[in-house]
């Protein structure tokens, strides 16, 4: 991990302090596919996951991120709610409000 610090100030009272941290020397495949249910007990879906790196202070934090999962979650939720609305319509409910 490399840290670069830049400081600048002027006679007018302006100042700028910036810290940039760069993580290097890591050679890996940082994406993989995961196949699990989006919701507990649901159908398994396949989506891409990225291993992300965040350099803070003197530490490096790794976390998983997946924009595909957010899209899948919204689609599955919409499908499940539509199925539930149909179930209640079969029982004669004329108005179903989803909040």
N, C-alpha and C. Protein backbone atom coordinates (compact mmCIF):
# COMPACT_ATOMS: atom_id res chain seq x y z
N UNK A 1 0.86 -1.16 0.00
CA UNK A 1 0.00 0.00 0.00
C UNK A 1 0.90 1.22 0.00
N UNK A 2 0.61 2.15 -0.88
CA UNK A 2 1.37 3.39 -1.00
C UNK A 2 0.47 4.56 -0.63
N UNK A 3 0.99 5.48 0.18
CA UNK A 3 0.23 6.65 0.59
C UNK A 3 0.91 7.90 0.08
N UNK A 4 0.13 8.77 -0.59
CA UNK A 4 0.64 10.05 -1.07
C UNK A 4 -0.14 11.16 -0.38
N UNK A 5 0.57 12.12 0.20
CA UNK A 5 -0.06 13.22 0.90
C UNK A 5 0.30 14.51 0.17
N UNK A 6 -0.71 15.32 -0.14
CA UNK A 6 -0.49 16.61 -0.79
C UNK A 6 -1.11 17.70 0.07
N UNK A 7 -0.34 18.75 0.32
CA UNK A 7 -0.83 19.87 1.10
C UNK A 7 -0.51 21.16 0.34
N UNK A 8 -1.47 22.05 0.31
CA UNK A 8 -1.28 23.33 -0.37
C UNK A 8 -2.04 24.41 0.40
N UNK A 9 -1.40 25.56 0.56
CA UNK A 9 -2.09 26.70 1.16
C UNK A 9 -1.60 27.97 0.48
N UNK A 10 -2.47 28.98 0.50
CA UNK A 10 -2.12 30.26 -0.14
C UNK A 10 -2.26 31.38 0.88
N UNK A 11 -1.82 32.57 0.46
CA UNK A 11 -1.90 33.75 1.33
C UNK A 11 -3.34 34.22 1.54
N UNK A 12 -4.27 33.77 0.70
CA UNK A 12 -5.67 34.18 0.80
C UNK A 12 -6.46 33.33 1.80
N UNK A 13 -5.81 32.36 2.41
CA UNK A 13 -6.49 31.51 3.38
C UNK A 13 -7.01 30.22 2.80
N UNK A 14 -6.79 29.98 1.50
CA UNK A 14 -7.20 28.73 0.88
C UNK A 14 -6.23 27.63 1.29
N UNK A 15 -6.77 26.46 1.50
CA UNK A 15 -5.89 25.32 1.79
C UNK A 15 -6.50 24.05 1.19
N UNK A 16 -5.62 23.13 0.87
CA UNK A 16 -6.04 21.86 0.30
C UNK A 16 -5.17 20.76 0.89
N UNK A 17 -5.79 19.78 1.49
CA UNK A 17 -5.10 18.61 2.02
C UNK A 17 -5.73 17.38 1.39
N UNK A 18 -4.90 16.53 0.80
CA UNK A 18 -5.45 15.31 0.21
C UNK A 18 -4.52 14.14 0.51
N UNK A 19 -5.14 13.00 0.71
CA UNK A 19 -4.42 11.75 0.95
C UNK A 19 -4.92 10.74 -0.07
N UNK A 20 -3.99 10.13 -0.76
CA UNK A 20 -4.33 9.10 -1.74
C UNK A 20 -3.61 7.81 -1.38
N UNK A 21 -4.39 6.73 -1.25
CA UNK A 21 -3.81 5.43 -0.93
C UNK A 21 -4.01 4.50 -2.12
N UNK A 22 -2.95 3.81 -2.50
CA UNK A 22 -3.00 2.90 -3.63
C UNK A 22 -2.56 1.52 -3.16
N UNK A 23 -3.39 0.52 -3.46
CA UNK A 23 -3.05 -0.86 -3.13
C UNK A 23 -2.51 -1.50 -4.40
N UNK A 24 -1.30 -2.04 -4.33
CA UNK A 24 -0.69 -2.66 -5.50
C UNK A 24 0.00 -3.96 -5.10
N UNK A 25 0.40 -4.71 -6.09
CA UNK A 25 1.10 -5.96 -5.82
C UNK A 25 0.19 -7.15 -5.62
N UNK A 26 -1.11 -6.98 -5.84
CA UNK A 26 -2.06 -8.08 -5.67
C UNK A 26 -2.43 -8.59 -7.06
N UNK A 27 -2.12 -9.81 -7.33
CA UNK A 27 -2.47 -10.43 -8.61
C UNK A 27 -3.51 -11.52 -8.34
N UNK A 28 -4.74 -11.27 -8.71
CA UNK A 28 -5.80 -12.25 -8.52
C UNK A 28 -6.92 -11.99 -9.51
N UNK A 29 -7.80 -12.94 -9.59
CA UNK A 29 -9.04 -12.76 -10.35
C UNK A 29 -10.04 -12.19 -9.35
N UNK A 30 -10.45 -10.94 -9.53
CA UNK A 30 -11.28 -10.29 -8.51
C UNK A 30 -12.78 -10.41 -8.76
N UNK A 31 -13.21 -11.22 -9.71
CA UNK A 31 -14.63 -11.47 -9.92
C UNK A 31 -14.88 -12.97 -9.97
N UNK A 32 -16.07 -13.36 -9.55
CA UNK A 32 -16.48 -14.76 -9.64
C UNK A 32 -17.99 -14.82 -9.70
N UNK A 33 -18.51 -15.95 -10.13
CA UNK A 33 -19.96 -16.16 -10.20
C UNK A 33 -20.41 -16.92 -8.97
N UNK A 34 -21.54 -16.54 -8.45
CA UNK A 34 -22.12 -17.16 -7.27
C UNK A 34 -23.52 -17.62 -7.63
N UNK A 35 -23.90 -18.82 -7.17
CA UNK A 35 -25.24 -19.33 -7.45
C UNK A 35 -25.89 -19.73 -6.14
N UNK A 36 -26.76 -18.85 -5.65
CA UNK A 36 -27.46 -19.07 -4.39
C UNK A 36 -28.87 -18.47 -4.50
N UNK A 37 -29.76 -18.84 -3.59
CA UNK A 37 -31.09 -18.20 -3.60
C UNK A 37 -30.97 -16.73 -3.20
N UNK A 38 -31.72 -15.88 -3.86
CA UNK A 38 -31.73 -14.45 -3.52
C UNK A 38 -32.41 -14.25 -2.16
N UNK A 39 -33.52 -14.97 -1.94
CA UNK A 39 -34.21 -14.96 -0.67
C UNK A 39 -34.22 -16.38 -0.11
N UNK A 40 -34.23 -16.52 1.19
CA UNK A 40 -34.20 -17.83 1.85
C UNK A 40 -35.35 -18.69 1.34
N UNK A 41 -35.01 -19.91 0.91
CA UNK A 41 -36.00 -20.85 0.42
C UNK A 41 -36.40 -20.64 -1.03
N UNK A 42 -35.82 -19.65 -1.68
CA UNK A 42 -36.18 -19.34 -3.06
C UNK A 42 -35.33 -20.11 -4.07
N UNK A 43 -35.60 -19.85 -5.34
CA UNK A 43 -34.88 -20.49 -6.44
C UNK A 43 -33.46 -19.92 -6.51
N UNK A 44 -32.50 -20.79 -6.81
CA UNK A 44 -31.11 -20.35 -6.95
C UNK A 44 -30.95 -19.53 -8.22
N UNK A 45 -30.23 -18.43 -8.10
CA UNK A 45 -29.92 -17.54 -9.22
C UNK A 45 -28.41 -17.38 -9.30
N UNK A 46 -27.92 -17.19 -10.52
CA UNK A 46 -26.49 -17.00 -10.73
C UNK A 46 -26.21 -15.53 -11.02
N UNK A 47 -25.21 -14.96 -10.32
CA UNK A 47 -24.85 -13.57 -10.53
C UNK A 47 -23.36 -13.37 -10.25
N UNK A 48 -22.81 -12.28 -10.81
CA UNK A 48 -21.40 -12.00 -10.67
C UNK A 48 -21.13 -11.18 -9.41
N UNK A 49 -20.03 -11.53 -8.72
CA UNK A 49 -19.62 -10.85 -7.51
C UNK A 49 -18.19 -10.35 -7.71
N UNK A 50 -17.91 -9.16 -7.22
CA UNK A 50 -16.58 -8.58 -7.32
C UNK A 50 -15.97 -8.44 -5.93
N UNK A 51 -14.71 -8.80 -5.79
CA UNK A 51 -13.99 -8.57 -4.55
C UNK A 51 -13.39 -7.17 -4.65
N UNK A 52 -13.84 -6.28 -3.78
CA UNK A 52 -13.38 -4.90 -3.81
C UNK A 52 -12.42 -4.64 -2.65
N UNK A 53 -11.57 -3.64 -2.83
CA UNK A 53 -10.55 -3.30 -1.84
C UNK A 53 -10.74 -1.85 -1.42
N UNK A 54 -10.65 -1.61 -0.11
CA UNK A 54 -10.74 -0.26 0.42
C UNK A 54 -9.57 -0.05 1.38
N UNK A 55 -8.68 0.89 1.07
CA UNK A 55 -7.53 1.19 1.93
C UNK A 55 -7.92 2.29 2.90
N UNK A 56 -7.88 1.99 4.20
CA UNK A 56 -8.19 2.98 5.23
C UNK A 56 -7.06 2.99 6.25
N UNK A 57 -6.64 4.17 6.65
CA UNK A 57 -5.53 4.33 7.60
C UNK A 57 -4.37 3.43 7.20
N UNK A 58 -4.01 2.52 8.06
CA UNK A 58 -2.91 1.59 7.74
C UNK A 58 -3.46 0.21 7.43
N UNK A 59 -4.75 0.11 7.18
CA UNK A 59 -5.40 -1.17 6.94
C UNK A 59 -5.93 -1.28 5.52
N UNK A 60 -6.14 -2.51 5.10
CA UNK A 60 -6.79 -2.78 3.83
C UNK A 60 -8.00 -3.64 4.14
N UNK A 61 -9.17 -3.21 3.65
CA UNK A 61 -10.42 -3.93 3.90
C UNK A 61 -10.92 -4.51 2.58
N UNK A 62 -11.28 -5.77 2.59
CA UNK A 62 -11.84 -6.44 1.42
C UNK A 62 -13.33 -6.63 1.65
N UNK A 63 -14.13 -6.45 0.59
CA UNK A 63 -15.56 -6.69 0.71
C UNK A 63 -16.10 -7.15 -0.64
N UNK A 64 -17.28 -7.75 -0.61
CA UNK A 64 -17.92 -8.26 -1.82
C UNK A 64 -18.97 -7.26 -2.30
N UNK A 65 -19.02 -7.05 -3.62
CA UNK A 65 -19.96 -6.12 -4.20
C UNK A 65 -20.56 -6.75 -5.46
N UNK A 66 -21.86 -6.56 -5.67
CA UNK A 66 -22.50 -7.13 -6.85
C UNK A 66 -23.69 -6.28 -7.30
N UNK A 67 -23.47 -5.43 -8.31
CA UNK A 67 -24.61 -4.69 -8.87
C UNK A 67 -25.65 -5.63 -9.47
N UNK A 68 -25.22 -6.78 -10.00
CA UNK A 68 -26.16 -7.76 -10.55
C UNK A 68 -27.13 -8.25 -9.48
N UNK A 69 -26.64 -8.43 -8.26
CA UNK A 69 -27.50 -8.89 -7.17
C UNK A 69 -28.60 -7.89 -6.87
N UNK A 70 -28.30 -6.60 -6.89
CA UNK A 70 -29.33 -5.58 -6.63
C UNK A 70 -30.44 -5.67 -7.68
N UNK A 71 -30.05 -5.85 -8.95
CA UNK A 71 -31.05 -5.96 -10.02
C UNK A 71 -31.88 -7.23 -9.87
N UNK A 72 -31.21 -8.36 -9.56
CA UNK A 72 -31.92 -9.63 -9.37
C UNK A 72 -32.87 -9.56 -8.19
N UNK A 73 -32.43 -8.94 -7.12
CA UNK A 73 -33.26 -8.82 -5.93
C UNK A 73 -34.55 -8.05 -6.24
N UNK A 74 -34.43 -6.96 -6.98
CA UNK A 74 -35.61 -6.18 -7.34
C UNK A 74 -36.55 -6.98 -8.23
N UNK A 75 -35.99 -7.73 -9.21
CA UNK A 75 -36.82 -8.52 -10.12
C UNK A 75 -37.54 -9.65 -9.39
N UNK A 76 -36.81 -10.35 -8.51
CA UNK A 76 -37.42 -11.47 -7.77
C UNK A 76 -38.49 -10.94 -6.82
N UNK A 77 -38.22 -9.82 -6.18
CA UNK A 77 -39.20 -9.24 -5.26
C UNK A 77 -40.48 -8.85 -6.00
N UNK A 78 -40.32 -8.27 -7.18
CA UNK A 78 -41.49 -7.89 -7.98
C UNK A 78 -42.31 -9.12 -8.37
N UNK A 79 -41.63 -10.20 -8.76
CA UNK A 79 -42.32 -11.43 -9.14
C UNK A 79 -43.07 -12.04 -7.95
N UNK A 80 -42.42 -12.10 -6.80
CA UNK A 80 -43.04 -12.68 -5.61
C UNK A 80 -44.26 -11.86 -5.19
N UNK A 81 -44.14 -10.54 -5.23
CA UNK A 81 -45.28 -9.70 -4.85
C UNK A 81 -46.43 -9.85 -5.83
N UNK A 82 -46.13 -9.98 -7.12
CA UNK A 82 -47.19 -10.18 -8.12
C UNK A 82 -47.92 -11.50 -7.87
N UNK A 83 -47.18 -12.54 -7.50
CA UNK A 83 -47.81 -13.84 -7.19
C UNK A 83 -48.72 -13.72 -5.98
N UNK A 84 -48.30 -12.97 -4.96
CA UNK A 84 -49.11 -12.81 -3.76
C UNK A 84 -50.38 -12.00 -4.06
N UNK A 85 -50.26 -10.99 -4.91
CA UNK A 85 -51.43 -10.20 -5.29
C UNK A 85 -52.45 -11.11 -5.99
N UNK A 86 -51.99 -11.97 -6.90
CA UNK A 86 -52.90 -12.90 -7.59
C UNK A 86 -53.58 -13.83 -6.61
N UNK A 87 -52.84 -14.29 -5.59
CA UNK A 87 -53.41 -15.17 -4.57
C UNK A 87 -54.58 -14.47 -3.87
N UNK A 88 -54.38 -13.21 -3.49
CA UNK A 88 -55.45 -12.50 -2.78
C UNK A 88 -56.61 -12.17 -3.72
N UNK A 89 -56.36 -11.95 -4.99
CA UNK A 89 -57.44 -11.70 -5.94
C UNK A 89 -58.32 -12.93 -6.08
N UNK A 90 -57.73 -14.12 -6.00
CA UNK A 90 -58.52 -15.36 -6.08
C UNK A 90 -59.48 -15.46 -4.91
N UNK A 91 -59.16 -14.85 -3.79
CA UNK A 91 -60.01 -14.88 -2.62
C UNK A 91 -61.00 -13.72 -2.58
N UNK A 92 -61.05 -12.95 -3.66
CA UNK A 92 -62.06 -11.91 -3.77
C UNK A 92 -61.63 -10.53 -3.29
N UNK A 93 -60.36 -10.34 -3.00
CA UNK A 93 -59.91 -9.00 -2.61
C UNK A 93 -59.91 -8.12 -3.85
N UNK A 94 -60.60 -7.00 -3.75
CA UNK A 94 -60.70 -6.12 -4.92
C UNK A 94 -59.56 -5.10 -4.96
N UNK A 95 -58.98 -4.78 -3.80
CA UNK A 95 -57.90 -3.80 -3.75
C UNK A 95 -56.76 -4.38 -2.94
N UNK A 96 -55.59 -4.39 -3.55
CA UNK A 96 -54.39 -4.83 -2.84
C UNK A 96 -53.40 -3.67 -2.89
N UNK A 97 -52.99 -3.20 -1.72
CA UNK A 97 -52.06 -2.08 -1.63
C UNK A 97 -50.72 -2.60 -1.13
N UNK A 98 -49.67 -2.32 -1.90
CA UNK A 98 -48.32 -2.71 -1.52
C UNK A 98 -47.59 -1.45 -1.12
N UNK A 99 -47.12 -1.41 0.11
CA UNK A 99 -46.42 -0.20 0.57
C UNK A 99 -45.02 -0.53 1.00
